[in-house]
Protein backbone atom coordinates (compact mmCIF):
# COMPACT_ATOMS: atom_id res chain seq x y z
CA MET A 1 21.47 2.05 3.68
CA ASN A 2 24.62 2.84 2.55
CA PHE A 3 25.36 1.17 -1.11
CA ASP A 4 27.52 2.57 -3.28
CA ALA A 5 26.65 3.43 -6.64
CA ALA A 6 27.58 1.08 -8.46
CA VAL A 7 25.86 -1.95 -6.31
CA ILE A 8 22.62 0.37 -6.73
CA LYS A 9 23.39 0.73 -10.91
CA ASN A 10 22.86 -2.80 -10.85
CA MET A 11 20.39 -3.67 -8.44
CA ALA A 12 18.51 -0.76 -11.02
CA LYS A 13 19.76 -3.73 -14.18
CA THR A 14 18.47 -6.36 -11.76
CA ILE A 15 15.18 -4.38 -11.57
CA ARG A 16 14.35 -4.12 -15.34
CA LYS A 17 15.50 -7.89 -15.41
CA HIS A 18 12.78 -8.88 -13.10
CA ILE A 19 10.04 -6.44 -15.28
CA ILE A 20 10.95 -7.96 -18.77
CA THR A 21 10.79 -11.53 -16.93
CA MET A 22 7.29 -10.82 -15.07
CA THR A 23 5.77 -9.15 -18.16
CA TYR A 24 6.69 -12.09 -19.94
CA GLU A 25 5.48 -14.40 -17.50
CA ALA A 26 1.80 -13.02 -16.95
CA GLY A 27 1.13 -14.21 -20.34
CA ASP A 28 -1.77 -12.73 -21.96
CA GLN A 29 -2.11 -10.29 -18.59
CA GLY A 30 1.13 -8.06 -19.67
CA GLY A 31 1.87 -5.12 -17.57
CA HIS A 32 3.12 -1.26 -17.20
CA VAL A 33 6.06 -2.45 -18.98
CA SER A 34 7.12 1.03 -20.07
CA SER A 35 6.45 2.88 -16.95
CA ALA A 36 8.31 0.25 -14.71
CA LEU A 37 11.16 0.59 -16.81
CA SER A 38 11.57 4.19 -16.42
CA MET A 39 11.65 4.50 -13.11
CA ALA A 40 14.23 1.25 -11.94
CA GLU A 41 17.25 3.26 -10.77
CA ILE A 42 14.73 5.91 -8.78
CA MET A 43 13.68 2.44 -7.07
CA ALA A 44 17.21 0.99 -6.80
CA ALA A 45 18.40 4.33 -5.35
CA LEU A 46 15.45 4.86 -2.73
CA TYR A 47 15.64 1.01 -1.37
CA PHE A 48 19.06 0.84 -1.19
CA GLY A 49 21.09 3.97 -0.76
CA VAL A 50 18.27 6.33 0.75
CA MET A 51 15.51 4.94 2.75
CA SER A 52 15.50 3.53 6.08
CA TYR A 53 13.39 0.25 6.83
CA ASP A 54 13.53 -3.11 8.36
CA VAL A 55 12.11 -5.68 6.24
CA LYS A 56 12.23 -8.36 9.66
CA VAL A 57 9.70 -5.52 11.39
CA PRO A 58 8.09 -3.70 8.12
CA GLU A 59 6.04 -1.75 10.51
CA TRP A 60 8.65 -0.30 12.53
CA PRO A 61 7.35 3.08 13.24
CA ASP A 62 10.43 5.18 12.31
CA ARG A 63 10.66 3.66 8.75
CA ASP A 64 10.65 6.05 6.34
CA ARG A 65 7.97 5.66 3.79
CA PHE A 66 7.20 5.32 0.19
CA VAL A 67 4.10 5.73 -1.90
CA LEU A 68 3.85 4.61 -5.53
CA SER A 69 1.26 7.48 -6.89
CA LYS A 70 1.89 6.44 -10.03
CA GLY A 71 0.38 2.37 -9.31
CA HIS A 72 0.63 0.75 -12.45
CA GLY A 73 4.26 1.22 -12.47
CA VAL A 74 4.12 -1.39 -10.14
CA LEU A 75 6.29 -3.82 -12.04
CA GLY A 76 8.98 -1.28 -11.29
CA TYR A 77 8.14 -1.89 -6.95
CA TYR A 78 7.84 -5.40 -6.91
CA PRO A 79 11.47 -6.61 -7.57
CA ALA A 80 12.64 -3.72 -5.18
CA LEU A 81 10.92 -5.06 -2.19
CA ALA A 82 11.86 -8.80 -3.11
CA GLU A 83 15.61 -7.84 -3.44
CA ALA A 84 15.41 -5.80 -0.41
CA GLY A 85 14.17 -8.68 1.07
CA PHE A 86 10.26 -8.17 2.10
CA PHE A 87 9.01 -11.60 0.20
CA PRO A 88 10.80 -14.30 -1.65
CA THR A 89 12.20 -13.18 -5.41
CA GLY A 90 10.34 -16.68 -6.37
CA MET A 91 6.93 -14.80 -5.90
CA LEU A 92 7.99 -12.53 -8.37
CA LYS A 93 7.10 -14.83 -11.10
CA THR A 94 3.31 -15.14 -9.67
CA PHE A 95 2.87 -11.57 -10.97
CA GLU A 96 -1.09 -10.97 -12.14
CA LYS A 97 -1.44 -14.71 -11.82
CA LYS A 98 -4.81 -16.09 -10.42
CA ASP A 99 -4.93 -16.32 -6.69
CA SER A 100 -1.42 -14.30 -6.50
CA TYR A 101 -0.75 -11.83 -3.75
CA LEU A 102 1.15 -9.23 -6.76
CA GLY A 103 -1.54 -7.59 -8.42
CA GLY A 104 -1.51 -4.78 -11.21
CA HIS A 105 -1.89 -2.37 -8.50
CA PRO A 106 0.12 -2.18 -5.06
CA CYS A 107 -1.92 -3.28 -2.22
CA SER A 108 -0.58 -3.05 1.00
CA LYS A 109 -2.81 -5.29 2.73
CA MET A 110 -1.40 -8.10 0.07
CA VAL A 111 2.20 -7.66 -0.16
CA SER A 112 4.88 -6.82 3.08
CA GLY A 113 6.09 -3.44 2.99
CA ILE A 114 4.15 -1.80 1.06
CA ASP A 115 2.29 1.28 2.68
CA VAL A 116 0.45 2.57 0.09
CA SER A 117 -2.26 0.94 -1.87
CA SER A 118 -2.61 3.41 -5.15
CA GLY A 119 -3.69 3.53 -8.57
CA SER A 120 -6.20 6.38 -9.02
CA MET A 121 -4.16 8.80 -10.26
CA GLY A 122 -3.31 12.13 -8.40
CA GLN A 123 -3.69 10.40 -4.65
CA GLY A 124 -0.24 9.75 -3.83
CA LEU A 125 1.29 13.04 -2.79
CA PRO A 126 -2.09 14.13 -0.98
CA ILE A 127 -1.60 10.52 1.09
CA GLY A 128 2.35 11.43 1.33
CA LEU A 129 1.44 14.98 2.75
CA GLY A 130 -0.77 13.25 4.98
CA MET A 131 1.83 10.87 6.30
CA ALA A 132 4.04 13.89 6.68
CA LYS A 133 1.92 15.99 8.49
CA ALA A 134 1.62 13.02 11.20
CA ALA A 135 5.43 12.51 11.60
CA ALA A 136 5.52 16.00 12.37
CA MET A 137 2.46 15.55 14.85
CA ASP A 138 4.23 12.50 16.62
CA LYS A 139 7.49 14.52 16.41
CA LYS A 140 9.19 11.57 14.16
CA GLY A 141 11.82 11.87 12.22
CA TYR A 142 10.82 9.89 9.18
CA TYR A 143 10.98 11.37 5.47
CA VAL A 144 8.19 10.41 3.11
CA TYR A 145 8.81 9.37 -0.43
CA VAL A 146 6.31 9.92 -3.10
CA LEU A 147 6.44 8.55 -6.83
CA ILE A 148 4.44 10.52 -9.44
CA GLY A 149 4.06 10.33 -12.88
CA ASP A 150 4.58 13.46 -15.00
CA GLY A 151 1.60 13.02 -16.58
CA GLU A 152 -0.44 12.27 -13.39
CA LEU A 153 0.85 16.13 -13.39
CA ASN A 154 -2.80 16.74 -14.92
CA GLU A 155 -4.53 15.85 -11.83
CA GLY A 156 -5.86 18.85 -9.88
CA SER A 157 -5.44 16.92 -6.41
CA VAL A 158 -1.50 17.05 -7.18
CA TRP A 159 -1.81 20.82 -6.99
CA GLU A 160 -3.52 20.80 -4.04
CA ALA A 161 -1.26 18.85 -2.35
CA VAL A 162 1.38 21.39 -3.46
CA MET A 163 -0.14 24.42 -2.36
CA LEU A 164 -0.50 22.61 0.70
CA ALA A 165 3.03 20.98 1.93
CA ALA A 166 4.55 24.48 0.75
CA GLN A 167 1.93 26.03 3.34
CA LEU A 168 2.55 23.68 6.44
CA LYS A 169 6.01 23.82 5.60
CA MET A 170 6.69 19.80 5.53
CA ASP A 171 9.88 19.87 4.79
CA ASN A 172 10.04 15.68 5.21
CA LEU A 173 8.14 15.15 2.03
CA VAL A 174 9.95 14.32 -0.89
CA ALA A 175 8.27 14.14 -4.16
CA ILE A 176 10.20 12.31 -7.14
CA ILE A 177 8.78 13.14 -10.73
CA ASP A 178 9.77 10.47 -13.00
CA LYS A 179 9.34 13.02 -15.90
CA ASN A 180 9.34 11.00 -19.01
CA GLY A 181 7.16 12.61 -21.00
CA LEU A 182 4.50 10.03 -21.69
CA GLN A 183 1.42 9.12 -20.55
CA HIS A 184 -1.24 6.78 -21.72
CA ASP A 185 -2.47 8.59 -24.71
CA GLY A 186 0.66 10.08 -26.32
CA PHE A 187 3.19 12.93 -24.99
CA ASN A 188 2.23 14.99 -22.58
CA SER A 189 2.95 18.12 -24.53
CA ASP A 190 0.14 17.15 -26.83
CA ILE A 191 -2.08 16.48 -23.73
CA ILE A 192 -1.36 18.90 -21.18
CA ASP A 193 2.39 20.53 -20.84
CA THR A 194 3.08 21.13 -17.47
CA ASP A 195 6.77 22.62 -18.39
CA PRO A 196 8.53 24.71 -17.23
CA LEU A 197 7.65 22.13 -14.43
CA ALA A 198 10.49 23.19 -12.24
CA CYS A 199 9.59 26.96 -11.94
CA ARG A 200 5.71 25.86 -11.52
CA PHE A 201 7.01 24.10 -8.25
CA GLU A 202 9.44 26.97 -6.96
CA SER A 203 6.50 29.14 -7.54
CA PHE A 204 4.61 27.43 -5.10
CA GLY A 205 7.35 27.35 -2.20
CA TRP A 206 9.25 23.94 -3.05
CA ASP A 207 12.67 23.12 -3.10
CA VAL A 208 13.38 21.92 -6.34
CA THR A 209 16.41 19.75 -7.48
CA GLU A 210 16.46 18.75 -11.31
CA CYS A 211 18.15 15.49 -12.34
CA ASP A 212 19.26 12.91 -14.56
CA GLY A 213 16.39 9.84 -13.19
CA HIS A 214 18.90 7.13 -14.92
CA ASP A 215 22.58 8.48 -13.59
CA VAL A 216 22.31 7.05 -9.69
CA GLY A 217 25.12 9.23 -8.88
CA GLN A 218 23.05 12.39 -9.36
CA LEU A 219 20.18 10.56 -8.08
CA LEU A 220 21.74 10.31 -4.62
CA GLU A 221 22.93 13.41 -4.44
CA ALA A 222 19.45 15.04 -4.85
CA PHE A 223 18.30 12.65 -2.49
CA ASP A 224 21.27 13.95 0.42
CA HIS A 225 20.69 17.32 -1.10
CA VAL A 226 16.84 17.38 0.46
CA LYS A 227 17.92 16.73 3.96
CA SER A 228 20.35 19.90 4.14
CA VAL A 229 16.94 22.21 3.05
CA LYS A 230 14.82 23.42 6.04
CA SER A 231 10.77 25.07 5.94
CA LYS A 232 9.92 23.71 2.10
CA PRO A 233 8.67 20.24 0.76
CA HIS A 234 11.17 18.81 -1.83
CA VAL A 235 10.77 17.46 -4.75
CA ILE A 236 13.00 15.54 -7.30
CA ILE A 237 12.10 16.49 -11.32
CA ALA A 238 13.82 13.03 -12.69
CA GLY A 239 14.70 13.20 -16.50
CA THR A 240 14.21 9.35 -17.87
CA ILE A 241 13.23 7.55 -21.17
CA LYS A 242 9.51 5.48 -20.74
CA GLY A 243 10.90 2.05 -21.55
CA LYS A 244 14.37 2.86 -20.39
CA GLY A 245 16.73 -0.06 -21.30
CA VAL A 246 14.66 -2.00 -24.07
CA SER A 247 15.49 -0.07 -28.03
CA PHE A 248 11.73 -1.18 -29.04
CA ILE A 249 10.01 -0.24 -26.15
CA GLU A 250 11.98 3.27 -25.24
CA ASN A 251 9.35 6.53 -25.98
CA LYS A 252 6.86 4.32 -27.69
CA VAL A 253 3.48 5.21 -26.65
CA GLU A 254 2.25 1.80 -27.60
CA TRP A 255 4.01 -0.09 -24.81
CA HIS A 256 2.34 1.74 -21.85
CA HIS A 257 0.87 -1.08 -21.29
CA ALA A 258 1.72 -4.31 -23.42
CA LEU A 259 2.11 -8.40 -23.68
CA ILE A 260 5.67 -9.55 -24.28
CA ASN A 261 6.34 -13.04 -26.21
CA ALA A 262 9.51 -15.09 -25.55
CA GLU A 263 11.57 -13.43 -28.75
CA GLN A 264 10.77 -9.84 -27.26
CA ALA A 265 11.71 -10.84 -23.41
CA GLU A 266 15.28 -12.62 -25.05
CA LYS A 267 15.78 -9.56 -26.74
CA ALA A 268 15.35 -7.30 -23.98
CA LEU A 269 17.26 -9.09 -21.45
CA ALA A 270 19.98 -8.85 -24.04
CA GLU A 271 19.71 -5.47 -24.47
CA ILE A 272 19.64 -5.58 -20.45
CA ASP A 273 22.61 -7.40 -19.94
CA ASN A 274 24.73 -5.65 -22.55
CA ALA A 275 24.14 -1.80 -21.14
CA VAL A 276 26.81 -0.44 -20.17
């Protein structure tokens, strides 16, 4: 995958539009809309500029792996998979509908392209570490990318994996922190403050890169950087805005999981379309 930054930026906009439409179509089921909007550029960069995969052979042994540890952000995951070609984009409108394959959290047994079922907070990095270790044991060259919510860093299992990954020198493991500053119950700083986050990861022996998680150029540089550093696991701390791209959703804790009516959907789509 070697698309340019402009193509990836436009794909992030497409993903955001899908997120809004899917949430609206879900009706009274709604969705974790703001958590998905914050990760649009990250997903676009991974699936259209960074990761190696084959949609015709989803279980290709040498593919890069992706783990959505913040499984509730699946509204931002399904559109990336669909636009990449793992399943038809028309399926997106079935999100959370009866008998749909597209549930509120990723399920590897139901949707092509999903490597790991997720939803319980704190599990993605330990799973990703196991996958990275398997690659090393099998002498495979693939990378394992794990997207983690910053609120999820409250979980002790994350830090157990952080310690072990450094000890094992898992340089094929890349954690991406969606650092939007909010979680279900409020601002992270008011619940468990994990800052200074870069210093914490560095103290555990990780290679650390910080970037603007909505700047495609910075994201691509960060992903390129990890390939040049050996014998350390990598973390990309991506500063993001929860609800990015929709003014009435941005940084609003009440939009962590919500319903969208027709008027709100129309306004949101217009804002996304008009974004520079």
